[in-house]
Amino acid sequence: MSSLDTLARESSQAVHKSVAGLSAPTGAFGGAVVASGIRRTFTYAVAGAAAGMVAVFALLILSPTDTPPTVSSVTTTMPNVTTSIPDTVTPTTSPAPDPGTRNVPPPAEQGNPSAAADTTPPELIVLSPADGERLKKEYATFEGKTEPGAEVVASGKYRVDVAADGAWSIGLVLSPGGNGVVFEATDEAGNVASVRMIIYYDAETTTTTKPVDYPFTAYQKYGTSTDAVPWDKFYGKSAPGAKIAVTSEFGGGSTVANGDGQWELIVQFPGAPYDKTFTVKVKDDLGRFKHFSFVSKYTG
């Protein structure tokens, strides 16, 4: 039996009990009472029937089937839970080291790698005379080029005059026949370069006065100039009648030593740039020489 059938039967039984519980009195008073009871009974019956209809109607609307209604959403209130966290928690990872106390590898050894790695011998070139060349005079001027800052020695005992740009030269007295010469250049790192050569002196049979018996000296007066055309004064001594030449990349000149061997020369350097130091070479015709430095300070 469905819920609707049960509700209808209970409503019918309620109406029946309301009517059956009344007794009919006799006489006029009884008729009035009967009429009143009937009206009351009718009212109760109608009210019971209406209540039953409302119940049935509500059942029809709310429960069309025996299937329980679907709940679209449920709101649940959870009780407050307080969890006690211990003051000390065992870590699962190691703490980071203190930057001030962590182990730092020692720095690499300090030094100058470029200086330590310099094992290349310096440049050493002999420009003149050529190896194997034959000369007619006993005094020979050797000229060449080396690394700036290097020291050059001839035949192990003669120090060679080296300019700031590495140009070098030295005069050596030759013996008749073959003359072996060894030049060695040593740079600032201690590397050594050497050049070996042989020069022949074809001596004449006639006896001549040796001009090398006269000393050679050369001096510079200023070393700088502020004039529009820079100039300097050079002077010294050589053999009487010896020719003196002054040369540089920006100018030069020449003169002849007098009977006492004295000489003096004013040289202009019209092409000299401002504040650039360059080398000036003073040499006599016997191959002896000196190097000087000069710089122009003309600002016009």
Protein backbone atom coordinates (compact mmCIF):
# COMPACT_ATOMS: atom_id res chain seq x y z
CA MET A 1 0.00 0.00 0.00
CA SER A 2 1.38 3.42 -0.93
CA SER A 3 1.65 6.39 1.35
CA LEU A 4 -1.23 8.06 -0.50
CA ASP A 5 -3.58 5.12 0.15
CA THR A 6 -2.69 5.05 3.83
CA LEU A 7 -3.36 8.76 4.25
CA ALA A 8 -6.77 8.51 2.52
CA ARG A 9 -7.86 5.61 4.72
CA GLU A 10 -6.87 7.41 7.91
CA SER A 11 -8.88 10.50 6.81
CA SER A 12 -11.98 8.34 6.13
CA GLN A 13 -11.72 6.63 9.51
CA ALA A 14 -11.50 10.03 11.24
CA VAL A 15 -14.75 11.16 9.56
CA HIS A 16 -16.51 7.94 10.43
CA LYS A 17 -15.55 8.19 14.12
CA SER A 18 -16.82 11.77 14.31
CA VAL A 19 -20.28 10.82 13.00
CA ALA A 20 -20.60 7.52 14.92
CA GLY A 21 -19.82 9.20 18.25
CA LEU A 22 -23.01 11.24 18.20
CA SER A 23 -26.41 9.93 19.64
CA ALA A 24 -29.77 11.23 18.43
CA PRO A 25 -32.05 12.62 21.20
CA THR A 26 -35.88 12.55 21.04
CA GLY A 27 -38.39 15.40 20.69
CA ALA A 28 -38.07 18.93 19.40
CA PHE A 29 -35.18 19.67 21.59
CA GLY A 30 -33.73 16.50 20.40
CA GLY A 31 -34.30 17.56 16.82
CA ALA A 32 -32.48 20.81 17.42
CA VAL A 33 -29.76 18.99 19.13
CA VAL A 34 -29.66 16.51 16.32
CA ALA A 35 -29.56 19.29 13.81
CA SER A 36 -26.84 21.03 15.74
CA GLY A 37 -24.96 17.76 16.07
CA ILE A 38 -25.36 17.11 12.41
CA ARG A 39 -24.06 20.55 11.55
CA ARG A 40 -21.14 20.07 13.95
CA THR A 41 -20.55 16.62 12.60
CA PHE A 42 -20.67 17.96 9.07
CA THR A 43 -18.23 20.71 9.98
CA TYR A 44 -15.86 18.18 11.60
CA ALA A 45 -16.22 15.94 8.60
CA VAL A 46 -15.46 18.78 6.22
CA ALA A 47 -12.51 19.91 8.36
CA GLY A 48 -11.19 16.36 8.53
CA ALA A 49 -11.65 15.90 4.84
CA ALA A 50 -9.92 19.24 4.18
CA ALA A 51 -7.05 18.25 6.45
CA GLY A 52 -6.79 14.96 4.64
CA MET A 53 -6.83 16.72 1.25
CA VAL A 54 -4.10 19.14 2.41
CA ALA A 55 -2.03 16.21 3.62
CA VAL A 56 -2.62 14.39 0.36
CA PHE A 57 -1.88 17.51 -1.67
CA ALA A 58 1.34 18.15 0.29
CA LEU A 59 2.36 14.55 -0.17
CA LEU A 60 1.70 14.80 -3.88
CA ILE A 61 3.83 17.94 -4.16
CA LEU A 62 6.68 17.02 -1.82
CA SER A 63 6.85 13.27 -2.36
CA PRO A 64 5.69 12.31 -5.85
CA THR A 65 7.54 9.03 -5.51
CA ASP A 66 8.94 6.89 -2.76
CA THR A 67 12.45 8.07 -3.74
CA PRO A 68 13.96 10.39 -1.09
CA PRO A 69 14.62 13.95 -2.30
CA THR A 70 18.05 14.80 -3.63
CA VAL A 71 20.09 17.10 -1.41
CA SER A 72 21.70 19.83 -3.48
CA SER A 73 23.98 21.16 -0.81
CA VAL A 74 24.87 20.42 2.79
CA THR A 75 26.34 22.88 5.22
CA THR A 76 28.33 21.30 8.01
CA THR A 77 29.66 23.17 10.98
CA MET A 78 32.95 21.68 12.19
CA PRO A 79 33.95 22.09 15.84
CA ASN A 80 36.99 24.27 16.60
CA VAL A 81 40.09 22.12 17.08
CA THR A 82 43.19 23.45 18.78
CA THR A 83 46.44 21.63 18.03
CA SER A 84 49.39 22.07 20.32
CA ILE A 85 52.74 22.44 18.43
CA PRO A 86 55.81 21.54 20.46
CA ASP A 87 58.43 24.21 20.97
CA THR A 88 61.19 22.02 19.59
CA VAL A 89 60.88 20.40 16.16
CA THR A 90 63.53 18.06 14.86
CA PRO A 91 64.67 19.42 11.45
CA THR A 92 64.79 17.10 8.47
CA THR A 93 67.49 19.11 6.64
CA SER A 94 70.86 20.44 7.68
CA PRO A 95 71.00 24.16 8.52
CA ALA A 96 72.78 26.49 6.11
CA PRO A 97 76.31 27.40 7.26
CA ASP A 98 76.92 30.80 8.75
CA PRO A 99 78.44 33.00 5.99
CA GLY A 100 80.95 34.30 8.50
CA THR A 101 82.18 30.87 9.57
CA ARG A 102 81.75 28.68 6.50
CA ASN A 103 84.80 27.06 4.96
CA VAL A 104 86.16 29.15 2.12
CA PRO A 105 88.86 27.67 -0.11
CA PRO A 106 92.14 29.61 0.04
CA PRO A 107 92.72 32.01 -2.85
CA ALA A 108 94.98 31.00 -5.66
CA GLU A 109 98.60 31.96 -5.38
CA GLN A 110 99.19 35.51 -6.39
CA GLY A 111 101.71 36.42 -9.00
CA ASN A 112 102.29 37.88 -12.44
CA PRO A 113 101.36 35.12 -14.91
CA SER A 114 102.53 37.13 -17.89
CA ALA A 115 105.96 37.77 -16.34
CA ALA A 116 106.32 34.16 -15.28
CA ALA A 117 105.38 32.95 -18.75
CA ASP A 118 107.92 35.18 -20.56
CA THR A 119 110.43 32.68 -21.90
CA THR A 120 110.83 34.20 -25.36
CA PRO A 121 114.33 35.48 -26.21
CA PRO A 122 114.47 39.14 -27.24
CA GLU A 123 114.79 40.25 -30.82
CA LEU A 124 118.42 40.73 -31.91
CA ILE A 125 119.24 41.83 -35.45
CA VAL A 126 122.54 43.04 -36.93
CA LEU A 127 121.74 45.48 -39.74
CA SER A 128 125.30 46.27 -40.78
CA PRO A 129 127.85 45.16 -41.67
CA ALA A 130 126.69 41.88 -43.18
CA ASP A 131 128.03 38.56 -41.98
CA GLY A 132 131.18 37.70 -44.00
CA GLU A 133 131.60 41.26 -45.32
CA ARG A 134 135.13 42.40 -46.18
CA LEU A 135 136.24 45.88 -45.06
CA LYS A 136 139.16 48.07 -46.04
CA LYS A 137 139.44 49.78 -42.67
CA GLU A 138 140.25 48.44 -39.26
CA TYR A 139 137.40 50.29 -37.48
CA ALA A 140 133.92 48.91 -38.08
CA THR A 141 130.59 50.25 -36.85
CA PHE A 142 128.04 47.55 -36.05
CA GLU A 143 124.40 48.62 -35.99
CA GLY A 144 121.26 46.67 -35.23
CA LYS A 145 117.92 46.38 -33.47
CA THR A 146 116.79 44.70 -30.27
CA GLU A 147 113.87 44.63 -27.84
CA PRO A 148 113.44 47.97 -26.01
CA GLY A 149 114.88 47.68 -22.51
CA ALA A 150 117.26 44.85 -23.42
CA GLU A 151 121.03 45.02 -22.82
CA VAL A 152 123.46 44.13 -25.61
CA VAL A 153 127.08 43.02 -25.13
CA ALA A 154 129.65 42.47 -27.89
CA SER A 155 132.18 39.64 -27.64
CA GLY A 156 131.30 39.12 -23.97
CA LYS A 157 132.95 42.33 -22.66
CA TYR A 158 131.93 45.41 -24.66
CA ARG A 159 128.70 47.05 -23.56
CA VAL A 160 126.66 48.27 -26.52
CA ASP A 161 124.89 51.65 -26.54
CA VAL A 162 121.12 50.87 -26.85
CA ALA A 163 118.54 53.62 -27.50
CA ALA A 164 115.04 53.76 -25.99
CA ASP A 165 113.51 52.34 -29.18
CA GLY A 166 115.91 49.35 -29.20
CA ALA A 167 118.31 50.68 -31.85
CA TRP A 168 121.93 49.90 -31.01
CA SER A 169 125.39 50.42 -32.41
CA ILE A 170 129.03 49.98 -31.39
CA GLY A 171 132.41 50.60 -33.00
CA LEU A 172 135.00 47.81 -32.87
CA VAL A 173 138.63 47.75 -33.97
CA LEU A 174 139.38 44.85 -36.32
CA SER A 175 142.50 42.81 -36.77
CA PRO A 176 143.76 41.97 -40.26
CA GLY A 177 142.00 38.92 -41.59
CA GLY A 178 138.87 37.35 -40.15
CA ASN A 179 137.26 38.76 -36.98
CA GLY A 180 134.66 36.72 -35.12
CA VAL A 181 132.08 38.75 -33.20
CA VAL A 182 129.31 37.53 -30.89
CA PHE A 183 126.46 39.79 -29.85
CA GLU A 184 124.22 38.85 -26.93
CA ALA A 185 120.97 40.58 -25.94
CA THR A 186 119.38 40.01 -22.51
CA ASP A 187 115.81 41.18 -21.87
CA GLU A 188 114.24 42.21 -18.53
CA ALA A 189 113.01 38.64 -17.92
CA GLY A 190 116.56 37.25 -18.27
CA ASN A 191 116.03 35.64 -21.70
CA VAL A 192 119.12 35.72 -23.93
CA ALA A 193 119.46 35.90 -27.72
CA SER A 194 122.77 35.75 -29.56
CA VAL A 195 124.11 36.41 -33.06
CA ARG A 196 127.48 35.17 -34.30
CA MET A 197 129.18 36.64 -37.34
CA ILE A 198 132.61 37.07 -38.96
CA ILE A 199 133.98 40.25 -40.52
CA TYR A 200 137.14 40.43 -42.63
CA TYR A 201 139.58 43.27 -42.51
CA ASP A 202 141.69 43.48 -45.66
CA ALA A 203 144.54 45.61 -44.32
CA GLU A 204 146.57 47.80 -46.70
CA THR A 205 150.32 47.34 -46.79
CA THR A 206 151.06 51.06 -46.55
CA THR A 207 151.57 52.54 -43.10
CA THR A 208 149.05 55.19 -42.14
CA THR A 209 148.34 57.23 -39.05
CA LYS A 210 145.59 55.62 -37.02
CA PRO A 211 142.79 58.14 -36.51
CA VAL A 212 141.46 55.99 -33.69
CA ASP A 213 144.29 57.34 -31.57
CA TYR A 214 142.15 60.47 -31.17
CA PRO A 215 139.31 60.21 -28.67
CA PHE A 216 135.73 60.86 -29.67
CA THR A 217 133.40 62.86 -27.45
CA ALA A 218 129.94 64.28 -28.07
CA TYR A 219 127.64 66.41 -25.89
CA GLN A 220 124.16 67.90 -26.10
CA LYS A 221 123.37 71.42 -24.87
CA TYR A 222 119.61 71.42 -24.13
CA GLY A 223 117.65 68.29 -25.05
CA THR A 224 114.47 70.33 -25.61
CA SER A 225 113.18 73.45 -27.35
CA THR A 226 110.12 75.74 -27.18
CA ASP A 227 110.76 77.49 -30.51
CA ALA A 228 108.48 77.11 -33.52
CA VAL A 229 111.35 75.32 -35.29
CA PRO A 230 112.90 73.15 -32.54
CA TRP A 231 116.70 73.06 -32.39
CA ASP A 232 119.61 71.94 -30.22
CA LYS A 233 123.37 72.37 -30.00
CA PHE A 234 125.87 69.47 -30.14
CA TYR A 235 129.66 69.66 -29.64
CA GLY A 236 132.72 67.53 -28.82
CA LYS A 237 136.04 66.22 -30.11
CA SER A 238 137.29 63.79 -32.73
CA ALA A 239 140.26 63.34 -35.03
CA PRO A 240 141.29 66.55 -36.83
CA GLY A 241 139.38 66.87 -40.08
CA ALA A 242 136.94 64.13 -39.11
CA LYS A 243 133.44 64.52 -40.45
CA ILE A 244 130.69 64.69 -37.78
CA ALA A 245 127.10 63.76 -38.70
CA VAL A 246 123.97 64.33 -36.58
CA THR A 247 120.91 62.35 -37.67
CA SER A 248 117.33 61.74 -36.46
CA GLU A 249 113.92 60.98 -37.94
CA PHE A 250 112.96 64.69 -37.74
CA GLY A 251 116.14 66.46 -38.91
CA GLY A 252 119.94 66.54 -38.81
CA GLY A 253 123.18 68.15 -40.04
CA SER A 254 126.94 67.71 -40.37
CA THR A 255 130.25 69.49 -39.73
CA VAL A 256 134.01 68.88 -39.73
CA ALA A 257 136.33 68.83 -36.73
CA ASN A 258 139.00 71.57 -36.74
CA GLY A 259 142.75 71.11 -36.42
CA ASP A 260 142.46 70.51 -32.70
CA GLY A 261 139.71 67.95 -33.26
CA GLN A 262 137.03 70.28 -31.83
CA TRP A 263 133.63 70.45 -33.44
CA GLU A 264 130.28 72.18 -32.80
CA LEU A 265 126.96 72.02 -34.64
CA ILE A 266 123.48 73.56 -34.27
CA VAL A 267 120.80 71.20 -35.60
CA GLN A 268 117.17 72.03 -36.36
CA PHE A 269 114.30 69.51 -36.16
CA PRO A 270 111.48 71.13 -38.19
CA GLY A 271 109.37 67.97 -38.31
CA ALA A 272 109.46 67.25 -34.59
CA PRO A 273 105.95 66.72 -33.09
CA TYR A 274 104.93 68.29 -29.80
CA ASP A 275 105.97 66.44 -26.66
CA LYS A 276 107.29 63.33 -28.44
CA THR A 277 110.76 62.19 -27.37
CA PHE A 278 112.97 60.80 -30.13
CA THR A 279 116.61 59.70 -30.56
CA VAL A 280 119.38 61.81 -32.07
CA LYS A 281 122.58 60.07 -33.20
CA VAL A 282 125.97 61.86 -33.38
CA LYS A 283 128.70 59.94 -35.27
CA ASP A 284 132.13 60.66 -36.75
CA ASP A 285 133.38 59.17 -40.01
CA LEU A 286 135.41 56.61 -38.07
CA GLY A 287 132.19 54.94 -36.94
CA ARG A 288 132.23 56.19 -33.34
CA PHE A 289 128.92 57.59 -32.07
CA LYS A 290 126.67 58.72 -29.22
CA HIS A 291 122.90 58.70 -28.76
CA PHE A 292 120.86 61.55 -27.26
CA SER A 293 117.18 62.24 -26.62
CA PHE A 294 115.27 65.34 -27.75
CA VAL A 295 111.70 66.62 -27.29
CA SER A 296 109.88 69.66 -28.70
CA LYS A 297 107.76 71.72 -26.28
CA TYR A 298 106.48 74.23 -28.80
CA THR A 299 102.71 74.70 -28.25
CA GLY A 300 101.91 77.30 -30.93
